[in-house]
């Protein structure tokens, strides 16, 4: 899988996951155009990307492609807060 194929698949998986897990009463539906890549890397046959959506829900997603097994793993995270500390 090329890096662009992985990114396209990752965006679609995040859009599908988000739509499946949103409160249906909100009446919101997103597409892969509402998903953006914050960071990505490809090493040999493996890829990884951090993605989020245009929704203000605080969610971000880590997708990993295992080229040996031809599998994609999706981890979903929620940002709770951002705290600044003086050191």
PDB file of N, CA and C in Angstrom:
ATOM      1  N   UNK A   1       0.853  -1.166   0.000  1.00  0.00           N
ATOM      2  CA  UNK A   1       0.000   0.000   0.000  1.00  0.00           C
ATOM      3  C   UNK A   1       0.898   1.228   0.000  1.00  0.00           C
ATOM      4  N   UNK A   2       0.648   2.146  -0.924  1.00  0.00           N
ATOM      5  CA  UNK A   2       1.427   3.387  -0.947  1.00  0.00           C
ATOM      6  C   UNK A   2       0.994   4.273   0.215  1.00  0.00           C
ATOM      7  N   UNK A   3       1.789   5.288   0.502  1.00  0.00           N
ATOM      8  CA  UNK A   3       1.451   6.190   1.590  1.00  0.00           C
ATOM      9  C   UNK A   3       0.139   6.926   1.302  1.00  0.00           C
ATOM     10  N   UNK A   4      -0.072   7.353   0.048  1.00  0.00           N
ATOM     11  CA  UNK A   4      -1.310   8.064  -0.286  1.00  0.00           C
ATOM     12  C   UNK A   4      -2.523   7.146  -0.161  1.00  0.00           C
ATOM     13  N   UNK A   5      -2.388   5.898  -0.540  1.00  0.00           N
ATOM     14  CA  UNK A   5      -3.486   4.937  -0.367  1.00  0.00           C
ATOM     15  C   UNK A   5      -3.811   4.757   1.121  1.00  0.00           C
ATOM     16  N   UNK A   6      -2.766   4.692   1.949  1.00  0.00           N
ATOM     17  CA  UNK A   6      -2.980   4.578   3.394  1.00  0.00           C
ATOM     18  C   UNK A   6      -3.704   5.804   3.935  1.00  0.00           C
ATOM     19  N   UNK A   7      -3.272   7.001   3.544  1.00  0.00           N
ATOM     20  CA  UNK A   7      -3.900   8.235   4.017  1.00  0.00           C
ATOM     21  C   UNK A   7      -5.368   8.280   3.591  1.00  0.00           C
ATOM     22  N   UNK A   8      -5.654   7.944   2.356  1.00  0.00           N
ATOM     23  CA  UNK A   8      -7.042   7.933   1.870  1.00  0.00           C
ATOM     24  C   UNK A   8      -7.885   6.951   2.677  1.00  0.00           C
ATOM     25  N   UNK A   9      -7.345   5.760   2.921  1.00  0.00           N
ATOM     26  CA  UNK A   9      -8.063   4.740   3.700  1.00  0.00           C
ATOM     27  C   UNK A   9      -8.247   5.211   5.144  1.00  0.00           C
ATOM     28  N   UNK A  10      -7.213   5.808   5.723  1.00  0.00           N
ATOM     29  CA  UNK A  10      -7.280   6.283   7.103  1.00  0.00           C
ATOM     30  C   UNK A  10      -8.366   7.349   7.250  1.00  0.00           C
ATOM     31  N   UNK A  11      -8.432   8.283   6.310  1.00  0.00           N
ATOM     32  CA  UNK A  11      -9.463   9.321   6.362  1.00  0.00           C
ATOM     33  C   UNK A  11     -10.866   8.715   6.296  1.00  0.00           C
ATOM     34  N   UNK A  12     -11.049   7.744   5.420  1.00  0.00           N
ATOM     35  CA  UNK A  12     -12.361   7.104   5.297  1.00  0.00           C
ATOM     36  C   UNK A  12     -12.707   6.331   6.567  1.00  0.00           C
ATOM     37  N   UNK A  13     -11.734   5.631   7.150  1.00  0.00           N
ATOM     38  CA  UNK A  13     -11.990   4.887   8.384  1.00  0.00           C
ATOM     39  C   UNK A  13     -12.350   5.819   9.538  1.00  0.00           C
ATOM     40  N   UNK A  14     -11.675   6.964   9.639  1.00  0.00           N
ATOM     41  CA  UNK A  14     -11.988   7.923  10.700  1.00  0.00           C
ATOM     42  C   UNK A  14     -13.387   8.507  10.490  1.00  0.00           C
ATOM     43  N   UNK A  15     -13.727   8.846   9.262  1.00  0.00           N
ATOM     44  CA  UNK A  15     -15.072   9.373   8.985  1.00  0.00           C
ATOM     45  C   UNK A  15     -16.131   8.328   9.337  1.00  0.00           C
ATOM     46  N   UNK A  16     -15.917   7.089   8.947  1.00  0.00           N
ATOM     47  CA  UNK A  16     -16.872   6.012   9.257  1.00  0.00           C
ATOM     48  C   UNK A  16     -16.985   5.799  10.762  1.00  0.00           C
ATOM     49  N   UNK A  17     -15.846   5.750  11.447  1.00  0.00           N
ATOM     50  CA  UNK A  17     -15.835   5.545  12.893  1.00  0.00           C
ATOM     51  C   UNK A  17     -16.577   6.685  13.593  1.00  0.00           C
ATOM     52  N   UNK A  18     -16.285   7.903  13.186  1.00  0.00           N
ATOM     53  CA  UNK A  18     -16.926   9.067  13.798  1.00  0.00           C
ATOM     54  C   UNK A  18     -18.431   9.037  13.594  1.00  0.00           C
ATOM     55  N   UNK A  19     -18.866   8.759  12.386  1.00  0.00           N
ATOM     56  CA  UNK A  19     -20.300   8.695  12.106  1.00  0.00           C
ATOM     57  C   UNK A  19     -20.981   7.586  12.897  1.00  0.00           C
ATOM     58  N   UNK A  20     -20.306   6.466  13.078  1.00  0.00           N
ATOM     59  CA  UNK A  20     -20.869   5.339  13.841  1.00  0.00           C
ATOM     60  C   UNK A  20     -20.977   5.631  15.336  1.00  0.00           C
ATOM     61  N   UNK A  21     -20.126   6.537  15.848  1.00  0.00           N
ATOM     62  CA  UNK A  21     -20.065   6.777  17.288  1.00  0.00           C
ATOM     63  C   UNK A  21     -20.644   8.118  17.734  1.00  0.00           C
ATOM     64  N   UNK A  22     -21.124   8.921  16.795  1.00  0.00           N
ATOM     65  CA  UNK A  22     -21.731  10.208  17.155  1.00  0.00           C
ATOM     66  C   UNK A  22     -23.147  10.000  17.663  1.00  0.00           C
ATOM     67  N   UNK A  23     -23.593  10.939  18.457  1.00  0.00           N
ATOM     68  CA  UNK A  23     -24.978  10.939  18.919  1.00  0.00           C
ATOM     69  C   UNK A  23     -25.869  11.177  17.703  1.00  0.00           C
ATOM     70  N   UNK A  24     -26.718  10.233  17.380  1.00  0.00           N
ATOM     71  CA  UNK A  24     -27.561  10.307  16.177  1.00  0.00           C
ATOM     72  C   UNK A  24     -28.528  11.482  16.222  1.00  0.00           C
ATOM     73  N   UNK A  25     -28.874  11.941  17.430  1.00  0.00           N
ATOM     74  CA  UNK A  25     -29.815  13.057  17.533  1.00  0.00           C
ATOM     75  C   UNK A  25     -29.187  14.392  17.125  1.00  0.00           C
ATOM     76  N   UNK A  26     -27.851  14.433  16.997  1.00  0.00           N
ATOM     77  CA  UNK A  26     -27.190  15.659  16.546  1.00  0.00           C
ATOM     78  C   UNK A  26     -27.452  15.913  15.060  1.00  0.00           C
ATOM     79  N   UNK A  27     -27.765  14.859  14.314  1.00  0.00           N
ATOM     80  CA  UNK A  27     -28.038  15.003  12.895  1.00  0.00           C
ATOM     81  C   UNK A  27     -26.830  15.406  12.070  1.00  0.00           C
ATOM     82  N   UNK A  28     -25.634  15.068  12.546  1.00  0.00           N
ATOM     83  CA  UNK A  28     -24.395  15.430  11.846  1.00  0.00           C
ATOM     84  C   UNK A  28     -23.831  14.194  11.164  1.00  0.00           C
ATOM     85  N   UNK A  29     -23.349  14.381   9.948  1.00  0.00           N
ATOM     86  CA  UNK A  29     -22.699  13.303   9.195  1.00  0.00           C
ATOM     87  C   UNK A  29     -21.476  13.907   8.515  1.00  0.00           C
ATOM     88  N   UNK A  30     -20.303  13.283   8.699  1.00  0.00           N
ATOM     89  CA  UNK A  30     -19.086  13.813   8.076  1.00  0.00           C
ATOM     90  C   UNK A  30     -18.626  12.878   6.964  1.00  0.00           C
ATOM     91  N   UNK A  31     -17.764  13.410   6.097  1.00  0.00           N
ATOM     92  CA  UNK A  31     -17.139  12.624   5.040  1.00  0.00           C
ATOM     93  C   UNK A  31     -15.625  12.688   5.231  1.00  0.00           C
ATOM     94  N   UNK A  32     -14.901  11.985   4.381  1.00  0.00           N
ATOM     95  CA  UNK A  32     -13.445  12.018   4.488  1.00  0.00           C
ATOM     96  C   UNK A  32     -12.887  13.420   4.212  1.00  0.00           C
ATOM     97  N   UNK A  33     -13.669  14.301   3.584  1.00  0.00           N
ATOM     98  CA  UNK A  33     -13.242  15.686   3.367  1.00  0.00           C
ATOM     99  C   UNK A  33     -13.194  16.469   4.684  1.00  0.00           C
ATOM    100  N   UNK A  34     -13.883  15.971   5.719  1.00  0.00           N
ATOM    101  CA  UNK A  34     -13.901  16.616   7.039  1.00  0.00           C
ATOM    102  C   UNK A  34     -12.812  16.070   7.958  1.00  0.00           C
ATOM    103  N   UNK A  35     -11.966  15.201   7.442  1.00  0.00           N
ATOM    104  CA  UNK A  35     -10.883  14.586   8.218  1.00  0.00           C
ATOM    105  C   UNK A  35      -9.554  15.138   7.703  1.00  0.00           C
ATOM    106  N   UNK A  36      -8.667  15.497   8.644  1.00  0.00           N
ATOM    107  CA  UNK A  36      -7.360  15.990   8.228  1.00  0.00           C
ATOM    108  C   UNK A  36      -6.247  15.234   8.936  1.00  0.00           C
ATOM    109  N   UNK A  37      -5.094  15.220   8.302  1.00  0.00           N
ATOM    110  CA  UNK A  37      -3.910  14.535   8.819  1.00  0.00           C
ATOM    111  C   UNK A  37      -3.040  15.553   9.533  1.00  0.00           C
ATOM    112  N   UNK A  38      -2.759  15.311  10.809  1.00  0.00           N
ATOM    113  CA  UNK A  38      -1.869  16.178  11.572  1.00  0.00           C
ATOM    114  C   UNK A  38      -0.410  15.753  11.406  1.00  0.00           C
ATOM    115  N   UNK A  39      -0.195  14.443  11.206  1.00  0.00           N
ATOM    116  CA  UNK A  39       1.167  13.911  11.077  1.00  0.00           C
ATOM    117  C   UNK A  39       1.077  12.528  10.457  1.00  0.00           C
ATOM    118  N   UNK A  40       2.068  12.178   9.644  1.00  0.00           N
ATOM    119  CA  UNK A  40       2.128  10.810   9.105  1.00  0.00           C
ATOM    120  C   UNK A  40       3.578  10.440   8.817  1.00  0.00           C
ATOM    121  N   UNK A  41       3.833   9.133   8.816  1.00  0.00           N
ATOM    122  CA  UNK A  41       5.167   8.616   8.501  1.00  0.00           C
ATOM    123  C   UNK A  41       5.022   7.243   7.877  1.00  0.00           C
ATOM    124  N   UNK A  42       5.976   6.904   7.007  1.00  0.00           N
ATOM    125  CA  UNK A  42       6.005   5.582   6.390  1.00  0.00           C
ATOM    126  C   UNK A  42       7.421   5.051   6.520  1.00  0.00           C
ATOM    127  N   UNK A  43       7.545   3.841   7.037  1.00  0.00           N
ATOM    128  CA  UNK A  43       8.832   3.173   7.151  1.00  0.00           C
ATOM    129  C   UNK A  43       8.693   1.780   6.573  1.00  0.00           C
ATOM    130  N   UNK A  44       9.451   1.516   5.521  1.00  0.00           N
ATOM    131  CA  UNK A  44       9.360   0.247   4.800  1.00  0.00           C
ATOM    132  C   UNK A  44       7.915  -0.004   4.395  1.00  0.00           C
ATOM    133  N   UNK A  45       7.316  -1.107   4.830  1.00  0.00           N
ATOM    134  CA  UNK A  45       5.943  -1.430   4.442  1.00  0.00           C
ATOM    135  C   UNK A  45       4.912  -0.971   5.465  1.00  0.00           C
ATOM    136  N   UNK A  46       5.321  -0.232   6.489  1.00  0.00           N
ATOM    137  CA  UNK A  46       4.415   0.187   7.562  1.00  0.00           C
ATOM    138  C   UNK A  46       4.174   1.696   7.506  1.00  0.00           C
ATOM    139  N   UNK A  47       2.976   2.102   7.944  1.00  0.00           N
ATOM    140  CA  UNK A  47       2.620   3.523   7.975  1.00  0.00           C
ATOM    141  C   UNK A  47       1.908   3.850   9.274  1.00  0.00           C
ATOM    142  N   UNK A  48       1.986   5.114   9.671  1.00  0.00           N
ATOM    143  CA  UNK A  48       1.289   5.589  10.859  1.00  0.00           C
ATOM    144  C   UNK A  48       0.849   7.015  10.589  1.00  0.00           C
ATOM    145  N   UNK A  49      -0.329   7.390  11.120  1.00  0.00           N
ATOM    146  CA  UNK A  49      -0.827   8.752  10.956  1.00  0.00           C
ATOM    147  C   UNK A  49      -1.655   9.156  12.163  1.00  0.00           C
ATOM    148  N   UNK A  50      -1.597  10.443  12.495  1.00  0.00           N
ATOM    149  CA  UNK A  50      -2.467  11.045  13.507  1.00  0.00           C
ATOM    150  C   UNK A  50      -3.446  11.932  12.757  1.00  0.00           C
ATOM    151  N   UNK A  51      -4.736  11.715  12.989  1.00  0.00           N
ATOM    152  CA  UNK A  51      -5.774  12.438  12.280  1.00  0.00           C
ATOM    153  C   UNK A  51      -6.792  13.012  13.240  1.00  0.00           C
ATOM    154  N   UNK A  52      -7.542  14.001  12.768  1.00  0.00           N
ATOM    155  CA  UNK A  52      -8.661  14.546  13.516  1.00  0.00           C
ATOM    156  C   UNK A  52      -9.708  14.990  12.515  1.00  0.00           C
ATOM    157  N   UNK A  53     -10.812  15.530  13.020  1.00  0.00           N
ATOM    158  CA  UNK A  53     -11.892  15.985  12.151  1.00  0.00           C
ATOM    159  C   UNK A  53     -12.162  17.457  12.393  1.00  0.00           C
ATOM    160  N   UNK A  54     -13.008  18.037  11.574  1.00  0.00           N
ATOM    161  CA  UNK A  54     -13.383  19.434  11.727  1.00  0.00           C
ATOM    162  C   UNK A  54     -14.408  19.626  12.847  1.00  0.00           C
ATOM    163  N   UNK A  55     -14.889  18.547  13.448  1.00  0.00           N
ATOM    164  CA  UNK A  55     -15.822  18.641  14.567  1.00  0.00           C
ATOM    165  C   UNK A  55     -15.087  19.144  15.804  1.00  0.00           C
ATOM    166  N   UNK A  56     -15.757  19.881  16.645  1.00  0.00           N
ATOM    167  CA  UNK A  56     -15.126  20.383  17.873  1.00  0.00           C
ATOM    168  C   UNK A  56     -15.429  19.436  19.036  1.00  0.00           C
ATOM    169  N   UNK A  57     -15.108  18.152  18.838  1.00  0.00           N
ATOM    170  CA  UNK A  57     -15.399  17.143  19.854  1.00  0.00           C
ATOM    171  C   UNK A  57     -14.170  16.709  20.643  1.00  0.00           C
ATOM    172  N   UNK A  58     -12.983  17.265  20.330  1.00  0.00           N
ATOM    173  CA  UNK A  58     -11.771  16.937  21.064  1.00  0.00           C
ATOM    174  C   UNK A  58     -11.193  15.566  20.765  1.00  0.00           C
ATOM    175  N   UNK A  59     -11.693  14.902  19.730  1.00  0.00           N
ATOM    176  CA  UNK A  59     -11.202  13.559  19.395  1.00  0.00           C
ATOM    177  C   UNK A  59     -10.024  13.642  18.437  1.00  0.00           C
ATOM    178  N   UNK A  60      -9.095  12.695  18.594  1.00  0.00           N
ATOM    179  CA  UNK A  60      -8.070  12.488  17.585  1.00  0.00           C
ATOM    180  C   UNK A  60      -7.831  10.995  17.450  1.00  0.00           C
ATOM    181  N   UNK A  61      -7.242  10.604  16.333  1.00  0.00           N
ATOM    182  CA  UNK A  61      -7.155   9.203  15.957  1.00  0.00           C
ATOM    183  C   UNK A  61      -5.738   8.860  15.516  1.00  0.00           C
ATOM    184  N   UNK A  62      -5.291   7.694  15.941  1.00  0.00           N
ATOM    185  CA  UNK A  62      -3.994   7.175  15.515  1.00  0.00           C
ATOM    186  C   UNK A  62      -4.266   5.921  14.697  1.00  0.00           C
ATOM    187  N   UNK A  63      -3.818   5.927  13.446  1.00  0.00           N
ATOM    188  CA  UNK A  63      -3.995   4.764  12.588  1.00  0.00           C
ATOM    189  C   UNK A  63      -2.641   4.213  12.209  1.00  0.00           C
ATOM    190  N   UNK A  64      -2.517   2.898  12.270  1.00  0.00           N
ATOM    191  CA  UNK A  64      -1.267   2.211  11.977  1.00  0.00           C
ATOM    192  C   UNK A  64      -1.542   1.129  10.948  1.00  0.00           C
ATOM    193  N   UNK A  65      -0.726   1.097   9.904  1.00  0.00           N
ATOM    194  CA  UNK A  65      -0.834   0.048   8.889  1.00  0.00           C
ATOM    195  C   UNK A  65       0.324  -0.922   9.056  1.00  0.00           C
ATOM    196  N   UNK A  66      -0.005  -2.194   9.289  1.00  0.00           N
ATOM    197  CA  UNK A  66       0.986  -3.259   9.398  1.00  0.00           C
ATOM    198  C   UNK A  66       1.081  -3.912   8.023  1.00  0.00           C
ATOM    199  N   UNK A  67       2.121  -3.576   7.293  1.00  0.00           N
ATOM    200  CA  UNK A  67       2.300  -4.085   5.940  1.00  0.00           C
ATOM    201  C   UNK A  67       2.510  -5.582   5.864  1.00  0.00           C
ATOM    202  N   UNK A  68       3.055  -6.192   6.912  1.00  0.00           N
ATOM    203  CA  UNK A  68       3.261  -7.642   6.912  1.00  0.00           C
ATOM    204  C   UNK A  68       1.937  -8.379   6.955  1.00  0.00           C
ATOM    205  N   UNK A  69       1.009  -7.887   7.773  1.00  0.00           N
ATOM    206  CA  UNK A  69      -0.291  -8.550   7.944  1.00  0.00           C
ATOM    207  C   UNK A  69      -1.392  -7.912   7.100  1.00  0.00           C
ATOM    208  N   UNK A  70      -1.085  -6.797   6.436  1.00  0.00           N
ATOM    209  CA  UNK A  70      -2.075  -6.060   5.637  1.00  0.00           C
ATOM    210  C   UNK A  70      -3.291  -5.690   6.489  1.00  0.00           C
ATOM    211  N   UNK A  71      -3.006  -5.145   7.700  1.00  0.00           N
ATOM    212  CA  UNK A  71      -4.058  -4.746   8.629  1.00  0.00           C
ATOM    213  C   UNK A  71      -3.864  -3.297   9.041  1.00  0.00           C
ATOM    214  N   UNK A  72      -4.990  -2.607   9.280  1.00  0.00           N
ATOM    215  CA  UNK A  72      -4.960  -1.237   9.792  1.00  0.00           C
ATOM    216  C   UNK A  72      -5.577  -1.247  11.181  1.00  0.00           C
ATOM    217  N   UNK A  73      -4.909  -0.594  12.123  1.00  0.00           N
ATOM    218  CA  UNK A  73      -5.390  -0.491  13.501  1.00  0.00           C
ATOM    219  C   UNK A  73      -5.787   0.961  13.759  1.00  0.00           C
ATOM    220  N   UNK A  74      -6.921   1.176  14.393  1.00  0.00           N
ATOM    221  CA  UNK A  74      -7.409   2.515  14.715  1.00  0.00           C
ATOM    222  C   UNK A  74      -7.519   2.649  16.221  1.00  0.00           C
ATOM    223  N   UNK A  75      -6.870   3.675  16.773  1.00  0.00           N
ATOM    224  CA  UNK A  75      -7.004   4.032  18.186  1.00  0.00           C
ATOM    225  C   UNK A  75      -7.664   5.394  18.237  1.00  0.00           C
ATOM    226  N   UNK A  76      -8.705   5.528  19.071  1.00  0.00           N
ATOM    227  CA  UNK A  76      -9.429   6.794  19.217  1.00  0.00           C
ATOM    228  C   UNK A  76      -9.146   7.377  20.595  1.00  0.00           C
ATOM    229  N   UNK A  77      -8.837   8.671  20.622  1.00  0.00           N
ATOM    230  CA  UNK A  77      -8.484   9.350  21.866  1.00  0.00           C
ATOM    231  C   UNK A  77      -9.314  10.615  22.026  1.00  0.00           C
ATOM    232  N   UNK A  78      -9.524  11.006  23.263  1.00  0.00           N
ATOM    233  CA  UNK A  78     -10.230  12.246  23.579  1.00  0.00           C
ATOM    234  C   UNK A  78      -9.282  13.151  24.362  1.00  0.00           C
ATOM    235  N   UNK A  79      -9.141  14.362  23.912  1.00  0.00           N
ATOM    236  CA  UNK A  79      -8.315  15.338  24.622  1.00  0.00           C
ATOM    237  C   UNK A  79      -9.159  15.935  25.742  1.00  0.00           C
ATOM    238  N   UNK A  80      -8.708  15.762  26.962  1.00  0.00           N
ATOM    239  CA  UNK A  80      -9.458  16.264  28.106  1.00  0.00           C
ATOM    240  C   UNK A  80      -9.059  17.673  28.475  1.00  0.00           C
ATOM    241  N   UNK A  81      -7.760  17.955  28.474  1.00  0.00           N
ATOM    242  CA  UNK A  81      -7.328  19.298  28.802  1.00  0.00           C
ATOM    243  C   UNK A  81      -5.871  19.486  28.377  1.00  0.00           C
ATOM    244  N   UNK A  82      -5.485  20.739  28.353  1.00  0.00           N
ATOM    245  CA  UNK A  82      -4.112  21.105  28.044  1.00  0.00           C
ATOM    246  C   UNK A  82      -3.648  22.006  29.185  1.00  0.00           C
ATOM    247  N   UNK A  83      -2.708  21.529  29.977  1.00  0.00           N
ATOM    248  CA  UNK A  83      -2.250  22.252  31.166  1.00  0.00           C
ATOM    249  C   UNK A  83      -0.822  22.724  30.931  1.00  0.00           C
ATOM    250  N   UNK A  84      -0.555  23.984  31.276  1.00  0.00           N
ATOM    251  CA  UNK A  84       0.781  24.551  31.133  1.00  0.00           C
ATOM    252  C   UNK A  84       1.464  24.596  32.500  1.00  0.00           C
ATOM    253  N   UNK A  85       2.734  24.197  32.532  1.00  0.00           N
ATOM    254  CA  UNK A  85       3.508  24.219  33.768  1.00  0.00           C
ATOM    255  C   UNK A  85       4.795  25.012  33.546  1.00  0.00           C
ATOM    256  N   UNK A  86       5.153  25.837  34.491  1.00  0.00           N
ATOM    257  CA  UNK A  86       6.443  26.534  34.456  1.00  0.00           C
ATOM    258  C   UNK A  86       7.498  25.590  35.024  1.00  0.00           C
ATOM    259  N   UNK A  87       8.613  25.452  34.351  1.00  0.00           N
ATOM    260  CA  UNK A  87       9.690  24.599  34.863  1.00  0.00           C
ATOM    261  C   UNK A  87      11.004  25.338  34.882  1.00  0.00           C
TER     262      UNK A  87
END
